[in-house]
Amino acid sequence: MPNTHERFTALYSTYQARVYGYAASRAGHQLAEEVVSETFLVAWRRLDSIPDHAPLPWLLRVARNILRDNYRQAARRESLEAELRTWMEEAATDVGEHATERVAVLRALAGLSEADKEILTLTTWHGLSTTEAAEVLGCTKAAFFVRLHRARRRLQSAIEATGTTTSRKPVTSSRKEPAMSRKPDAMDLLAMARPASLDRGSRISADDMLFMATAEAPQEPSRRPSRPRRTLLAAPASRTRSRLWVLWAPLSTAAIVALVFALVTNLASAPAVLSPTRTNQELFDLADRIEKLPAESGAYWREVRIDGSHLSTGGYRLVVVGRRETWQPRDPADLVLTQVWRQDSARPATAEDERAWRAAGAPARVKGRCETSGPCDSVPVADEPMDCRYTLRMDPTGNYPDTTVSEFTMADLAAIPTDPAELVKQLRAYHEIWNGRGFTQPFEKFLPTTANLLGMPLSPAQRAAIIRVLAGLPTTKVMGTVTDPLGRRGISVDFGGAGGSLVYSNKPRKELPVYYRQILDPGTGETLSGVSYAARTALGATKDEAMGYQARGPESGWTGPPASPPKGCKKGK
């Protein structure tokens, strides 16, 4: 039976998060955990029936049947409505492009039928092909296309009823204007509005799921007769065996065995035991998910930094964007490549701002309020920064460019401990170095700065250790799921670092206090971006309005040697 166990464990490890996301999108997170458990208990009993080439549609169809047969439609609807309200609130706090439209599409989705919600999200949120989606629904591919077309029209109408417009065509004009991206259509917006929490996955480990399955059906799965379906009209006071397993999963194996023994021998019913939720549980869950991911490798670490700031002028807002790239070699004997785009670009922040910009004559260059610390030239309206210059040089120190935590070589970064206790000792050593240079700061105030390590070339296990240390700090607070300035879903975290201010004038003094949030990739734990927000309403800014950001481009990560010279870039001094 080892081969059977291994196959089941691999199946669960590979697909449980996908099943969880499907169940959460159909009935909310409140029921998703139980649906995952029920689905894989069925999978264990029918392991020989699961197609090797495409197990996901089979699993989702089982989950679909469980939702239909075991949970009342009213219960599913109420749970999902509560979840949609949460997703809309999170989308309303987004700082990315098209945030208003994403809220509108979620509101429109909430008003559609259960069948329409399912058919629209199968491809946009769950990544299924049309053939796979049709298999989940138990219909032909042609029938799926017809249903999808009708559901899409109803979604489009519902969005337009909110007063939000979408487009399927690029914006065109007879005038020669900077090229602007087309506004997304309803399905684009639905894909962009996908909640990152759908990737959370079950908290039940593969080993615990196997234990649950074998305890329920210790014989060969193919010989186990199918269990009759049961109907759950409401949450009963006495749970059935498989639902109790969901509650027992966080317990130790010994505790599970003891509870099973008590149940089988008909002793007094044991109460359902829930493990207490820790503060910042989402960060601890993130660390658990990523620590066993494979480490990436390459000759160079490519760091793409995209800086953005908001500019208000003429009754509309624009995002001013700059770009810089560093190719840091693993071997200090190799050359370091640095690319800088000397001319920033600006583009309207939202579709509404774009309309206002066009109404103002679509000026080719714009200028707004400037900080005293930087230049105050006008900026061209364009899709991307311009005038790239590069340098290739030998760095005798071999130090990584970010020195906010310490001065690291690539070998130093590779040696950062993966054990949280050892990591704290190492962080204390970094703190002592800073104190030795005159930066007298308590260790507790230094720790939030170490979140910057999450954007450096570390292994998943190292990032997991850092996240666990930071999650345990009283100053750390998870703010929710948001879309970052580059349109990526992530976990917004306040690590408790000091705020700052934007100074627009020294005489008289005009400054705007800001606070910072770090947005983490829910799949890797890496930093996606850091965003600054207005701490109060002043100087034309509204409290909690995004004022600027520093994002890691999606191209960042381990890679091979860069092209020399880099394409489209001139040699600099």
Foldseek 3Di string as FASTA:
>chain_A
DVVLLVVLLVVCLVCQLLQLLLLCLQQRNVCSQLLSLVLSLVCQLPVVVQDPVDRNLVSLLSSVVCCVFAEDPVNSLVRNLVVLVVLLVQLCLFQAECSVLLSLLSVLLNPDDSVLSNLLCVCLPSPDDLCSSCSSVVHDSVVSVVSNVVSLVSSQVSSVVVVDHADPDADDDPDDAAGDGHGHGSSVSPSLSHAPCSSLGHPARSVLSSVLSCVVPVDRSHPDDDDDGDYHHDDDQDDDDSVLSSQCRVPDPVVVVVQVVCVVVVHPHDHRDHDDQDAVNLLLSLLVQQQPDDADAEQWFKWKKKKWFWFDDDHFIKIKIWIKIWTQGLDLVFKIKIKGQPAIAIEGRYPVRNVSCVVVVNDQWDFGQAFPVDDGDIHGHYDGGHAMAMDIGRDPVQWDPDAQQHTDHSVRQAPQDLALVVNVVVSVVSVVVVVVVPPDDDSLQSLLSCLQSLQPNHTLSNLSSSSVNLSPRPQKHWPGWYQHHVSHIFTKMQSNHDWAWGWRDVVVTDIFTWGKIWTADSNRRHTAKMWIFTCDDDDPHHGSNTGMMMGTDPVGGHYYDADVPHPNHHYDD
